[in-house]
Amino acid sequence: MDGFGVSDLSRGYGLRALNLDLNRSLMRLTEEVVSGRSSDTTLRLNAQFSFLTQIETDLVQTQARISALTETAITAEAQQTALDRVVSNADDLFNTLAVSQNNAGALSVSSLAQQATGFLDTIIAALNVNQGGRYAFSGTEVTTPPLVTTDTLLADLATALSGATNEDDLRALADDFFNLPGGAFETGVYQGAAQSLSPIDLGNGETVTLNLRADDPALREMLKAVALAAVADDPAIPFSETDKREIVLGQIDEVLNARSGVIELRAKLGFSEERIDRSTTRLEAERSSFELARSDLIDVDPFETATALEAVRQQLETLFSVTARTQNLSLVNFL
């Protein structure tokens, strides 16, 4: 008899230990195949985490900038769409007034004022746009619509103009209503904040600010031009029908001038949109670069891992086969 043979008990312990080790390897490799990442980052990086930590910090900051820019881009798009509606309605009012100017019997003052009221209502609705629960033209007061209703605006304007004695006087009162610091527009018509939204970090030391609000001078001029045509027929205005018609048709040039101001706002906003788009593209490229660098550090090779997993599976099958044969050995079978 060989005095150095391995006992059944020792062999059993050895097989169980090998089985446990192979099962652990199987679980680890399965996890890595599914996740694509090393299950033991400490071992893979030799406990040197500084570079990985820096990459992940850069990723978080870059993603935060991308998210902020995406939100800003959505707001800018909503503003651009609103300004387009403002210009479109100004064009419609201009065309309506121009036709009436060339044809004295085309539309009555009442009809012109009614149409101007409709255009004003659409313009106010456009500037009161709410994008994702945030009013785009209210500055920092994003939960409040920037402008009061059309009826409120016209009622307050009619009251302010009721003391006018001639057209020049009426236009001067209208200027005060819309443009006087601390006047009726700022205290009773515009409901947003006097502060614009904070600048958005574009990276590389650049920022962009969407500081367009409904109290912008160009938008005030547009509101004044359209509102004066709409309010001219109000009974509170103590003018004759002829004088009222002159006031309404006199808004042709006012609407045209105000339109130019809004077009300029659209151009400035478009420039900001372009900067946002370029910065978003650059930041997305940086994010991809950081993600690739992180993958190089902690990701596993899918082919190598799958090959190792298959090898462990085959070892387990072999172990199960050997264990089964060992357990079937007995003295009776031996004899």
C-alpha atoms as a PDB file:
ATOM      1  CA  MET A   1       0.000   0.000   0.000  1.00  0.00           C
ATOM      2  CA  ASP A   2       1.242   3.515  -0.860  1.00  0.00           C
ATOM      3  CA  GLY A   3       1.815   5.285   2.458  1.00  0.00           C
ATOM      4  CA  PHE A   4       1.514   8.697   0.892  1.00  0.00           C
ATOM      5  CA  GLY A   5      -1.976   8.318  -0.671  1.00  0.00           C
ATOM      6  CA  VAL A   6      -4.550  11.090  -0.305  1.00  0.00           C
ATOM      7  CA  SER A   7      -7.384  10.260   2.060  1.00  0.00           C
ATOM      8  CA  ASP A   8     -11.016  10.475   0.984  1.00  0.00           C
ATOM      9  CA  LEU A   9     -11.608  13.240   3.538  1.00  0.00           C
ATOM     10  CA  SER A  10      -8.728  15.345   2.238  1.00  0.00           C
ATOM     11  CA  ARG A  11      -9.817  14.765  -1.322  1.00  0.00           C
ATOM     12  CA  GLY A  12     -13.356  15.878  -0.431  1.00  0.00           C
ATOM     13  CA  TYR A  13     -12.089  19.057   1.201  1.00  0.00           C
ATOM     14  CA  GLY A  14      -9.967  19.783  -1.845  1.00  0.00           C
ATOM     15  CA  LEU A  15     -12.844  19.269  -4.250  1.00  0.00           C
ATOM     16  CA  ARG A  16     -15.146  21.492  -2.192  1.00  0.00           C
ATOM     17  CA  ALA A  17     -12.504  24.233  -2.040  1.00  0.00           C
ATOM     18  CA  LEU A  18     -11.973  24.028  -5.789  1.00  0.00           C
ATOM     19  CA  ASN A  19     -15.728  24.091  -6.377  1.00  0.00           C
ATOM     20  CA  LEU A  20     -16.085  27.208  -4.220  1.00  0.00           C
ATOM     21  CA  ASP A  21     -13.233  28.940  -6.020  1.00  0.00           C
ATOM     22  CA  LEU A  22     -14.625  28.108  -9.456  1.00  0.00           C
ATOM     23  CA  ASN A  23     -18.108  29.291  -8.498  1.00  0.00           C
ATOM     24  CA  ARG A  24     -16.699  32.591  -7.292  1.00  0.00           C
ATOM     25  CA  SER A  25     -14.840  32.990 -10.564  1.00  0.00           C
ATOM     26  CA  LEU A  26     -18.008  32.096 -12.458  1.00  0.00           C
ATOM     27  CA  MET A  27     -20.019  34.755 -10.615  1.00  0.00           C
ATOM     28  CA  ARG A  28     -17.309  37.387 -11.080  1.00  0.00           C
ATOM     29  CA  LEU A  29     -16.876  36.717 -14.780  1.00  0.00           C
ATOM     30  CA  THR A  30     -20.638  36.593 -15.372  1.00  0.00           C
ATOM     31  CA  GLU A  31     -20.988  39.997 -13.706  1.00  0.00           C
ATOM     32  CA  GLU A  32     -18.170  41.418 -15.836  1.00  0.00           C
ATOM     33  CA  VAL A  33     -19.654  40.025 -19.054  1.00  0.00           C
ATOM     34  CA  VAL A  34     -23.021  41.605 -18.237  1.00  0.00           C
ATOM     35  CA  SER A  35     -21.735  44.972 -16.974  1.00  0.00           C
ATOM     36  CA  GLY A  36     -18.666  45.253 -19.151  1.00  0.00           C
ATOM     37  CA  ARG A  37     -16.674  46.490 -16.164  1.00  0.00           C
ATOM     38  CA  SER A  38     -14.160  44.979 -13.822  1.00  0.00           C
ATOM     39  CA  SER A  39     -15.731  43.692 -10.639  1.00  0.00           C
ATOM     40  CA  ASP A  40     -12.581  44.465  -8.674  1.00  0.00           C
ATOM     41  CA  THR A  41     -11.602  48.040  -9.520  1.00  0.00           C
ATOM     42  CA  THR A  42      -9.107  48.180  -6.674  1.00  0.00           C
ATOM     43  CA  LEU A  43      -7.140  45.259  -8.076  1.00  0.00           C
ATOM     44  CA  ARG A  44      -7.399  46.488 -11.663  1.00  0.00           C
ATOM     45  CA  LEU A  45      -6.081  49.974 -10.773  1.00  0.00           C
ATOM     46  CA  ASN A  46      -3.588  48.747  -8.169  1.00  0.00           C
ATOM     47  CA  ALA A  47      -5.446  50.930  -5.654  1.00  0.00           C
ATOM     48  CA  GLN A  48      -4.491  54.067  -7.628  1.00  0.00           C
ATOM     49  CA  PHE A  49      -7.827  55.916  -7.895  1.00  0.00           C
ATOM     50  CA  SER A  50      -6.735  59.521  -8.423  1.00  0.00           C
ATOM     51  CA  PHE A  51      -6.955  59.489 -12.214  1.00  0.00           C
ATOM     52  CA  LEU A  52     -10.311  57.696 -12.211  1.00  0.00           C
ATOM     53  CA  THR A  53     -11.668  60.132  -9.616  1.00  0.00           C
ATOM     54  CA  GLN A  54     -10.614  63.107 -11.721  1.00  0.00           C
ATOM     55  CA  ILE A  55     -12.212  61.645 -14.846  1.00  0.00           C
ATOM     56  CA  GLU A  56     -15.496  60.989 -13.058  1.00  0.00           C
ATOM     57  CA  THR A  57     -15.469  64.526 -11.595  1.00  0.00           C
ATOM     58  CA  ASP A  58     -14.948  65.956 -15.070  1.00  0.00           C
ATOM     59  CA  LEU A  59     -17.764  63.774 -16.375  1.00  0.00           C
ATOM     60  CA  VAL A  60     -20.201  65.009 -13.731  1.00  0.00           C
ATOM     61  CA  GLN A  61     -19.326  68.653 -14.389  1.00  0.00           C
ATOM     62  CA  THR A  62     -19.533  68.235 -18.151  1.00  0.00           C
ATOM     63  CA  GLN A  63     -22.903  66.484 -17.935  1.00  0.00           C
ATOM     64  CA  ALA A  64     -24.211  69.264 -15.670  1.00  0.00           C
ATOM     65  CA  ARG A  65     -23.175  71.860 -18.252  1.00  0.00           C
ATOM     66  CA  ILE A  66     -24.790  69.876 -21.056  1.00  0.00           C
ATOM     67  CA  SER A  67     -28.035  69.587 -19.084  1.00  0.00           C
ATOM     68  CA  ALA A  68     -28.034  73.319 -18.330  1.00  0.00           C
ATOM     69  CA  LEU A  69     -27.353  74.158 -21.966  1.00  0.00           C
ATOM     70  CA  THR A  70     -30.092  71.800 -23.145  1.00  0.00           C
ATOM     71  CA  GLU A  71     -32.591  73.526 -20.869  1.00  0.00           C
ATOM     72  CA  THR A  72     -31.365  76.929 -22.023  1.00  0.00           C
ATOM     73  CA  ALA A  73     -31.648  75.882 -25.659  1.00  0.00           C
ATOM     74  CA  ILE A  74     -35.266  74.841 -25.084  1.00  0.00           C
ATOM     75  CA  THR A  75     -36.031  78.224 -23.513  1.00  0.00           C
ATOM     76  CA  ALA A  76     -34.293  80.055 -26.365  1.00  0.00           C
ATOM     77  CA  GLU A  77     -36.285  78.073 -28.915  1.00  0.00           C
ATOM     78  CA  ALA A  78     -39.522  78.947 -27.109  1.00  0.00           C
ATOM     79  CA  GLN A  79     -38.544  82.620 -27.138  1.00  0.00           C
ATOM     80  CA  GLN A  80     -37.639  82.507 -30.819  1.00  0.00           C
ATOM     81  CA  THR A  81     -40.987  80.918 -31.664  1.00  0.00           C
ATOM     82  CA  ALA A  82     -42.801  83.544 -29.603  1.00  0.00           C
ATOM     83  CA  LEU A  83     -40.980  86.399 -31.328  1.00  0.00           C
ATOM     84  CA  ASP A  84     -41.859  84.879 -34.685  1.00  0.00           C
ATOM     85  CA  ARG A  85     -45.536  85.017 -33.698  1.00  0.00           C
ATOM     86  CA  VAL A  86     -45.127  88.621 -32.590  1.00  0.00           C
ATOM     87  CA  VAL A  87     -43.629  89.602 -35.958  1.00  0.00           C
ATOM     88  CA  SER A  88     -46.245  87.610 -37.862  1.00  0.00           C
ATOM     89  CA  ASN A  89     -49.112  89.360 -36.088  1.00  0.00           C
ATOM     90  CA  ALA A  90     -47.453  92.745 -36.532  1.00  0.00           C
ATOM     91  CA  ASP A  91     -47.252  92.023 -40.259  1.00  0.00           C
ATOM     92  CA  ASP A  92     -50.939  91.101 -40.347  1.00  0.00           C
ATOM     93  CA  LEU A  93     -51.897  94.301 -38.536  1.00  0.00           C
ATOM     94  CA  PHE A  94     -49.677  96.376 -40.839  1.00  0.00           C
ATOM     95  CA  ASN A  95     -51.312  94.853 -43.913  1.00  0.00           C
ATOM     96  CA  THR A  96     -54.799  95.415 -42.495  1.00  0.00           C
ATOM     97  CA  LEU A  97     -54.093  99.081 -41.733  1.00  0.00           C
ATOM     98  CA  ALA A  98     -52.361  99.651 -45.073  1.00  0.00           C
ATOM     99  CA  VAL A  99     -55.370  98.316 -46.975  1.00  0.00           C
ATOM    100  CA  SER A 100     -57.704 100.555 -44.991  1.00  0.00           C
ATOM    101  CA  GLN A 101     -55.480 103.559 -45.579  1.00  0.00           C
ATOM    102  CA  ASN A 102     -55.667 103.044 -49.317  1.00  0.00           C
ATOM    103  CA  ASN A 103     -59.410 102.426 -49.207  1.00  0.00           C
ATOM    104  CA  ALA A 104     -61.213 104.809 -46.896  1.00  0.00           C
ATOM    105  CA  GLY A 105     -64.356 102.701 -46.868  1.00  0.00           C
ATOM    106  CA  ALA A 106     -62.669  99.356 -46.337  1.00  0.00           C
ATOM    107  CA  LEU A 107     -63.100  98.963 -42.578  1.00  0.00           C
ATOM    108  CA  SER A 108     -64.605 101.082 -39.819  1.00  0.00           C
ATOM    109  CA  VAL A 109     -62.599 102.289 -36.844  1.00  0.00           C
ATOM    110  CA  SER A 110     -64.470  99.802 -34.684  1.00  0.00           C
ATOM    111  CA  SER A 111     -63.566  96.929 -36.986  1.00  0.00           C
ATOM    112  CA  LEU A 112     -59.909  97.992 -37.176  1.00  0.00           C
ATOM    113  CA  ALA A 113     -59.710  98.300 -33.407  1.00  0.00           C
ATOM    114  CA  GLN A 114     -61.315  94.907 -32.988  1.00  0.00           C
ATOM    115  CA  GLN A 115     -58.784  93.294 -35.316  1.00  0.00           C
ATOM    116  CA  ALA A 116     -55.929  95.085 -33.557  1.00  0.00           C
ATOM    117  CA  THR A 117     -57.247  93.721 -30.254  1.00  0.00           C
ATOM    118  CA  GLY A 118     -57.117  90.216 -31.658  1.00  0.00           C
ATOM    119  CA  PHE A 119     -53.526  90.701 -32.816  1.00  0.00           C
ATOM    120  CA  LEU A 120     -52.592  92.150 -29.427  1.00  0.00           C
ATOM    121  CA  ASP A 121     -54.166  89.179 -27.664  1.00  0.00           C
ATOM    122  CA  THR A 122     -52.072  86.782 -29.755  1.00  0.00           C
ATOM    123  CA  ILE A 123     -48.898  88.768 -29.095  1.00  0.00           C
ATOM    124  CA  ILE A 124     -49.483  88.756 -25.341  1.00  0.00           C
ATOM    125  CA  ALA A 125     -50.234  85.024 -25.428  1.00  0.00           C
ATOM    126  CA  ALA A 126     -46.965  84.465 -27.317  1.00  0.00           C
ATOM    127  CA  LEU A 127     -44.942  86.425 -24.761  1.00  0.00           C
ATOM    128  CA  ASN A 128     -46.679  84.561 -21.930  1.00  0.00           C
ATOM    129  CA  VAL A 129     -45.368  81.265 -23.286  1.00  0.00           C
ATOM    130  CA  ASN A 130     -44.773  78.615 -20.647  1.00  0.00           C
ATOM    131  CA  GLN A 131     -42.091  76.039 -21.432  1.00  0.00           C
ATOM    132  CA  GLY A 132     -41.924  73.106 -19.039  1.00  0.00           C
ATOM    133  CA  GLY A 133     -43.559  75.023 -16.197  1.00  0.00           C
ATOM    134  CA  ARG A 134     -41.319  78.089 -16.686  1.00  0.00           C
ATOM    135  CA  TYR A 135     -42.396  81.373 -18.249  1.00  0.00           C
ATOM    136  CA  ALA A 136     -39.769  82.267 -20.838  1.00  0.00           C
ATOM    137  CA  PHE A 137     -40.100  86.079 -20.722  1.00  0.00           C
ATOM    138  CA  SER A 138     -40.445  86.646 -16.960  1.00  0.00           C
ATOM    139  CA  GLY A 139     -36.767  86.838 -16.015  1.00  0.00           C
ATOM    140  CA  THR A 140     -36.083  85.127 -12.715  1.00  0.00           C
ATOM    141  CA  GLU A 141     -39.809  85.125 -11.836  1.00  0.00           C
ATOM    142  CA  VAL A 142     -40.316  81.985 -13.906  1.00  0.00           C
ATOM    143  CA  THR A 143     -43.540  80.902 -12.174  1.00  0.00           C
ATOM    144  CA  THR A 144     -45.447  84.075 -13.079  1.00  0.00           C
ATOM    145  CA  PRO A 145     -46.691  85.054 -16.546  1.00  0.00           C
ATOM    146  CA  PRO A 146     -44.900  88.239 -17.603  1.00  0.00           C
ATOM    147  CA  LEU A 147     -47.927  90.162 -18.902  1.00  0.00           C
ATOM    148  CA  VAL A 148     -51.468  90.787 -17.741  1.00  0.00           C
ATOM    149  CA  THR A 149     -54.413  89.922 -19.969  1.00  0.00           C
ATOM    150  CA  THR A 150     -55.294  91.942 -23.043  1.00  0.00           C
ATOM    151  CA  ASP A 151     -58.486  93.245 -21.422  1.00  0.00           C
ATOM    152  CA  THR A 152     -56.591  94.486 -18.365  1.00  0.00           C
ATOM    153  CA  LEU A 153     -53.933  96.193 -20.468  1.00  0.00           C
ATOM    154  CA  LEU A 154     -56.462  97.966 -22.688  1.00  0.00           C
ATOM    155  CA  ALA A 155     -58.627  99.023 -19.752  1.00  0.00           C
ATOM    156  CA  ASP A 156     -55.642 100.542 -17.925  1.00  0.00           C
ATOM    157  CA  LEU A 157     -54.397 102.197 -21.126  1.00  0.00           C
ATOM    158  CA  ALA A 158     -57.829 103.694 -21.888  1.00  0.00           C
ATOM    159  CA  THR A 159     -57.936 105.194 -18.407  1.00  0.00           C
ATOM    160  CA  ALA A 160     -54.462 106.655 -18.851  1.00  0.00           C
ATOM    161  CA  LEU A 161     -55.402 108.187 -22.218  1.00  0.00           C
ATOM    162  CA  SER A 162     -58.820 109.518 -21.218  1.00  0.00           C
ATOM    163  CA  GLY A 163     -57.436 112.969 -20.418  1.00  0.00           C
ATOM    164  CA  ALA A 164     -55.856 113.501 -23.834  1.00  0.00           C
ATOM    165  CA  THR A 165     -57.066 116.606 -25.717  1.00  0.00           C
ATOM    166  CA  ASN A 166     -55.397 115.932 -29.077  1.00  0.00           C
ATOM    167  CA  GLU A 167     -53.448 113.244 -30.911  1.00  0.00           C
ATOM    168  CA  ASP A 168     -50.032 114.512 -29.821  1.00  0.00           C
ATOM    169  CA  ASP A 169     -51.203 114.584 -26.231  1.00  0.00           C
ATOM    170  CA  LEU A 170     -52.563 111.051 -26.554  1.00  0.00           C
ATOM    171  CA  ARG A 171     -49.305 109.717 -27.970  1.00  0.00           C
ATOM    172  CA  ALA A 172     -47.317 111.397 -25.218  1.00  0.00           C
ATOM    173  CA  LEU A 173     -49.545 109.793 -22.581  1.00  0.00           C
ATOM    174  CA  ALA A 174     -49.130 106.425 -24.321  1.00  0.00           C
ATOM    175  CA  ASP A 175     -45.332 106.851 -24.235  1.00  0.00           C
ATOM    176  CA  ASP A 176     -45.495 107.560 -20.501  1.00  0.00           C
ATOM    177  CA  PHE A 177     -47.751 104.566 -19.944  1.00  0.00           C
ATOM    178  CA  PHE A 178     -45.344 102.122 -21.582  1.00  0.00           C
ATOM    179  CA  ASN A 179     -41.918 103.684 -21.064  1.00  0.00           C
ATOM    180  CA  LEU A 180     -41.890 105.842 -17.933  1.00  0.00           C
ATOM    181  CA  PRO A 181     -39.649 104.235 -15.254  1.00  0.00           C
ATOM    182  CA  GLY A 182     -41.878 103.043 -12.444  1.00  0.00           C
ATOM    183  CA  GLY A 183     -44.905 103.888 -14.590  1.00  0.00           C
ATOM    184  CA  ALA A 184     -48.061 102.003 -15.435  1.00  0.00           C
ATOM    185  CA  PHE A 185     -46.396  99.342 -17.581  1.00  0.00           C
ATOM    186  CA  GLU A 186     -43.778  98.409 -15.005  1.00  0.00           C
ATOM    187  CA  THR A 187     -46.191  98.443 -12.072  1.00  0.00           C
ATOM    188  CA  GLY A 188     -49.414  97.152 -13.607  1.00  0.00           C
ATOM    189  CA  VAL A 189     -48.726  95.389 -16.912  1.00  0.00           C
ATOM    190  CA  TYR A 190     -45.380  93.614 -16.598  1.00  0.00           C
ATOM    191  CA  GLN A 191     -45.513  90.997 -13.831  1.00  0.00           C
ATOM    192  CA  GLY A 192     -42.109  89.359 -14.271  1.00  0.00           C
ATOM    193  CA  ALA A 193     -38.860  90.099 -12.482  1.00  0.00           C
ATOM    194  CA  ALA A 194     -36.542  93.010 -13.158  1.00  0.00           C
ATOM    195  CA  GLN A 195     -33.628  90.549 -13.064  1.00  0.00           C
ATOM    196  CA  SER A 196     -32.702  88.251 -15.928  1.00  0.00           C
ATOM    197  CA  LEU A 197     -31.709  84.605 -15.539  1.00  0.00           C
ATOM    198  CA  SER A 198     -28.159  83.866 -14.388  1.00  0.00           C
ATOM    199  CA  PRO A 199     -25.506  83.329 -17.059  1.00  0.00           C
ATOM    200  CA  ILE A 200     -24.964  79.759 -18.216  1.00  0.00           C
ATOM    201  CA  ASP A 201     -21.414  78.413 -18.199  1.00  0.00           C
ATOM    202  CA  LEU A 202     -20.316  77.392 -21.687  1.00  0.00           C
ATOM    203  CA  GLY A 203     -16.877  76.239 -20.571  1.00  0.00           C
ATOM    204  CA  ASN A 204     -13.527  77.712 -21.535  1.00  0.00           C
ATOM    205  CA  GLY A 205     -14.376  80.829 -19.565  1.00  0.00           C
ATOM    206  CA  GLU A 206     -17.411  81.650 -21.752  1.00  0.00           C
ATOM    207  CA  THR A 207     -20.982  82.274 -20.624  1.00  0.00           C
ATOM    208  CA  VAL A 208     -24.303  82.979 -22.297  1.00  0.00           C
ATOM    209  CA  THR A 209     -27.292  84.783 -20.826  1.00  0.00           C
ATOM    210  CA  LEU A 210     -30.884  84.730 -22.007  1.00  0.00           C
ATOM    211  CA  ASN A 211     -31.748  88.205 -20.732  1.00  0.00           C
ATOM    212  CA  LEU A 212     -34.759  88.752 -22.972  1.00  0.00           C
ATOM    213  CA  ARG A 213     -37.838  89.702 -20.956  1.00  0.00           C
ATOM    214  CA  ALA A 214     -41.291  90.980 -21.886  1.00  0.00           C
ATOM    215  CA  ASP A 215     -40.344  94.437 -20.587  1.00  0.00           C
ATOM    216  CA  ASP A 216     -37.618  94.795 -23.215  1.00  0.00           C
ATOM    217  CA  PRO A 217     -37.859  98.247 -24.880  1.00  0.00           C
ATOM    218  CA  ALA A 218     -38.412  96.692 -28.316  1.00  0.00           C
ATOM    219  CA  LEU A 219     -41.308  94.591 -27.040  1.00  0.00           C
ATOM    220  CA  ARG A 220     -42.787  97.581 -25.217  1.00  0.00           C
ATOM    221  CA  GLU A 221     -42.767  99.496 -28.492  1.00  0.00           C
ATOM    222  CA  MET A 222     -44.553  96.656 -30.234  1.00  0.00           C
ATOM    223  CA  LEU A 223     -47.163  96.386 -27.488  1.00  0.00           C
ATOM    224  CA  LYS A 224     -47.672 100.155 -27.582  1.00  0.00           C
ATOM    225  CA  ALA A 225     -48.027 100.258 -31.367  1.00  0.00           C
ATOM    226  CA  VAL A 226     -50.657  97.524 -31.435  1.00  0.00           C
ATOM    227  CA  ALA A 227     -52.434  98.538 -28.210  1.00  0.00           C
ATOM    228  CA  LEU A 228     -52.909 102.123 -29.359  1.00  0.00           C
ATOM    229  CA  ALA A 229     -54.677 100.895 -32.494  1.00  0.00           C
ATOM    230  CA  ALA A 230     -56.810  98.579 -30.374  1.00  0.00           C
ATOM    231  CA  VAL A 231     -57.797 101.155 -27.747  1.00  0.00           C
ATOM    232  CA  ALA A 232     -58.551 104.035 -30.122  1.00  0.00           C
ATOM    233  CA  ASP A 233     -62.233 103.108 -30.349  1.00  0.00           C
ATOM    234  CA  ASP A 234     -62.685 102.969 -26.560  1.00  0.00           C
ATOM    235  CA  PRO A 235     -65.465 105.315 -25.334  1.00  0.00           C
ATOM    236  CA  ALA A 236     -63.031 106.736 -22.768  1.00  0.00           C
ATOM    237  CA  ILE A 237     -61.024 108.310 -25.614  1.00  0.00           C
ATOM    238  CA  PRO A 238     -62.739 111.706 -26.142  1.00  0.00           C
ATOM    239  CA  PHE A 239     -62.075 112.001 -29.882  1.00  0.00           C
ATOM    240  CA  SER A 240     -64.257 112.149 -32.973  1.00  0.00           C
ATOM    241  CA  GLU A 241     -64.605 109.215 -35.345  1.00  0.00           C
ATOM    242  CA  THR A 242     -62.342 110.948 -37.847  1.00  0.00           C
ATOM    243  CA  ASP A 243     -59.648 111.648 -35.262  1.00  0.00           C
ATOM    244  CA  LYS A 244     -59.823 108.077 -34.015  1.00  0.00           C
ATOM    245  CA  ARG A 245     -59.360 106.812 -37.545  1.00  0.00           C
ATOM    246  CA  GLU A 246     -56.307 109.000 -37.944  1.00  0.00           C
ATOM    247  CA  ILE A 247     -54.891 107.564 -34.727  1.00  0.00           C
ATOM    248  CA  VAL A 248     -55.469 103.976 -35.841  1.00  0.00           C
ATOM    249  CA  LEU A 249     -54.013 104.479 -39.314  1.00  0.00           C
ATOM    250  CA  GLY A 250     -51.166 106.455 -37.805  1.00  0.00           C
ATOM    251  CA  GLN A 251     -49.988 103.210 -36.233  1.00  0.00           C
ATOM    252  CA  ILE A 252     -48.817 101.895 -39.595  1.00  0.00           C
ATOM    253  CA  ASP A 253     -45.391 103.472 -39.191  1.00  0.00           C
ATOM    254  CA  GLU A 254     -45.320 102.659 -35.479  1.00  0.00           C
ATOM    255  CA  VAL A 255     -45.949  98.975 -36.146  1.00  0.00           C
ATOM    256  CA  LEU A 256     -43.315  98.927 -38.882  1.00  0.00           C
ATOM    257  CA  ASN A 257     -40.703 100.552 -36.627  1.00  0.00           C
ATOM    258  CA  ALA A 258     -41.558  98.227 -33.736  1.00  0.00           C
ATOM    259  CA  ARG A 259     -41.250  95.258 -36.082  1.00  0.00           C
ATOM    260  CA  SER A 260     -37.646  96.216 -36.847  1.00  0.00           C
ATOM    261  CA  GLY A 261     -36.859  96.214 -33.124  1.00  0.00           C
ATOM    262  CA  VAL A 262     -38.275  92.721 -32.663  1.00  0.00           C
ATOM    263  CA  ILE A 263     -36.352  91.456 -35.706  1.00  0.00           C
ATOM    264  CA  GLU A 264     -33.178  92.734 -34.053  1.00  0.00           C
ATOM    265  CA  LEU A 265     -34.087  90.823 -30.885  1.00  0.00           C
ATOM    266  CA  ARG A 266     -34.511  87.663 -32.962  1.00  0.00           C
ATOM    267  CA  ALA A 267     -31.073  88.153 -34.491  1.00  0.00           C
ATOM    268  CA  LYS A 268     -29.434  88.555 -31.069  1.00  0.00           C
ATOM    269  CA  LEU A 269     -31.277  85.529 -29.763  1.00  0.00           C
ATOM    270  CA  GLY A 270     -30.215  83.539 -32.816  1.00  0.00           C
ATOM    271  CA  PHE A 271     -26.585  84.374 -32.108  1.00  0.00           C
ATOM    272  CA  SER A 272     -26.998  83.089 -28.548  1.00  0.00           C
ATOM    273  CA  GLU A 273     -28.643  79.921 -29.875  1.00  0.00           C
ATOM    274  CA  GLU A 274     -25.687  79.357 -32.188  1.00  0.00           C
ATOM    275  CA  ARG A 275     -23.227  79.732 -29.294  1.00  0.00           C
ATOM    276  CA  ILE A 276     -25.282  77.314 -27.195  1.00  0.00           C
ATOM    277  CA  ASP A 277     -25.344  74.788 -30.035  1.00  0.00           C
ATOM    278  CA  ARG A 278     -21.583  75.004 -30.616  1.00  0.00           C
ATOM    279  CA  SER A 279     -20.828  74.670 -26.907  1.00  0.00           C
ATOM    280  CA  THR A 280     -23.187  71.710 -26.535  1.00  0.00           C
ATOM    281  CA  THR A 281     -21.478  69.933 -29.425  1.00  0.00           C
ATOM    282  CA  ARG A 282     -18.052  70.589 -27.900  1.00  0.00           C
ATOM    283  CA  LEU A 283     -19.126  69.443 -24.432  1.00  0.00           C
ATOM    284  CA  GLU A 284     -20.678  66.267 -25.831  1.00  0.00           C
ATOM    285  CA  ALA A 285     -17.353  65.502 -27.525  1.00  0.00           C
ATOM    286  CA  GLU A 286     -15.553  66.097 -24.225  1.00  0.00           C
ATOM    287  CA  ARG A 287     -18.011  63.817 -22.459  1.00  0.00           C
ATOM    288  CA  SER A 288     -17.335  61.054 -24.991  1.00  0.00           C
ATOM    289  CA  SER A 289     -13.600  61.511 -24.461  1.00  0.00           C
ATOM    290  CA  PHE A 290     -13.955  61.232 -20.688  1.00  0.00           C
ATOM    291  CA  GLU A 291     -16.189  58.169 -21.011  1.00  0.00           C
ATOM    292  CA  LEU A 292     -13.613  56.520 -23.278  1.00  0.00           C
ATOM    293  CA  ALA A 293     -10.817  57.276 -20.812  1.00  0.00           C
ATOM    294  CA  ARG A 294     -12.890  55.808 -17.972  1.00  0.00           C
ATOM    295  CA  SER A 295     -13.618  52.723 -20.046  1.00  0.00           C
ATOM    296  CA  ASP A 296      -9.912  52.192 -20.645  1.00  0.00           C
ATOM    297  CA  LEU A 297      -9.403  52.162 -16.888  1.00  0.00           C
ATOM    298  CA  ILE A 298     -12.221  49.979 -15.616  1.00  0.00           C
ATOM    299  CA  ASP A 299     -13.855  48.197 -18.552  1.00  0.00           C
ATOM    300  CA  VAL A 300     -12.952  44.615 -19.399  1.00  0.00           C
ATOM    301  CA  ASP A 301     -12.349  43.110 -22.817  1.00  0.00           C
ATOM    302  CA  PRO A 302     -15.648  41.377 -23.684  1.00  0.00           C
ATOM    303  CA  PHE A 303     -14.013  38.639 -25.795  1.00  0.00           C
ATOM    304  CA  GLU A 304     -11.359  37.782 -23.220  1.00  0.00           C
ATOM    305  CA  THR A 305     -13.902  37.801 -20.412  1.00  0.00           C
ATOM    306  CA  ALA A 306     -16.327  35.595 -22.310  1.00  0.00           C
ATOM    307  CA  THR A 307     -13.482  33.162 -23.116  1.00  0.00           C
ATOM    308  CA  ALA A 308     -12.460  33.029 -19.455  1.00  0.00           C
ATOM    309  CA  LEU A 309     -16.088  32.492 -18.440  1.00  0.00           C
ATOM    310  CA  GLU A 310     -16.410  29.541 -20.821  1.00  0.00           C
ATOM    311  CA  ALA A 311     -13.168  28.053 -19.488  1.00  0.00           C
ATOM    312  CA  VAL A 312     -14.422  28.259 -15.889  1.00  0.00           C
ATOM    313  CA  ARG A 313     -17.733  26.704 -16.906  1.00  0.00           C
ATOM    314  CA  GLN A 314     -15.931  23.778 -18.490  1.00  0.00           C
ATOM    315  CA  GLN A 315     -13.751  23.387 -15.387  1.00  0.00           C
ATOM    316  CA  LEU A 316     -16.871  23.266 -13.250  1.00  0.00           C
ATOM    317  CA  GLU A 317     -18.404  20.597 -15.461  1.00  0.00           C
ATOM    318  CA  THR A 318     -15.203  18.561 -15.194  1.00  0.00           C
ATOM    319  CA  LEU A 319     -15.168  19.015 -11.436  1.00  0.00           C
ATOM    320  CA  PHE A 320     -18.784  17.874 -11.165  1.00  0.00           C
ATOM    321  CA  SER A 321     -17.960  14.781 -13.203  1.00  0.00           C
ATOM    322  CA  VAL A 322     -14.930  13.930 -11.071  1.00  0.00           C
ATOM    323  CA  THR A 323     -16.862  14.546  -7.855  1.00  0.00           C
ATOM    324  CA  ALA A 324     -19.680  12.290  -8.990  1.00  0.00           C
ATOM    325  CA  ARG A 325     -17.278   9.439  -9.795  1.00  0.00           C
ATOM    326  CA  THR A 326     -15.490   9.843  -6.480  1.00  0.00           C
ATOM    327  CA  GLN A 327     -18.748   9.681  -4.547  1.00  0.00           C
ATOM    328  CA  ASN A 328     -19.709   6.427  -6.350  1.00  0.00           C
ATOM    329  CA  LEU A 329     -16.533   4.613  -5.144  1.00  0.00           C
ATOM    330  CA  SER A 330     -17.114   2.017  -2.373  1.00  0.00           C
ATOM    331  CA  LEU A 331     -15.409  -1.132  -1.023  1.00  0.00           C
ATOM    332  CA  VAL A 332     -18.116  -3.358  -2.552  1.00  0.00           C
ATOM    333  CA  ASN A 333     -17.572  -1.835  -5.977  1.00  0.00           C
ATOM    334  CA  PHE A 334     -13.807  -2.148  -5.529  1.00  0.00           C
ATOM    335  CA  LEU A 335     -14.093  -5.904  -4.673  1.00  0.00           C
END
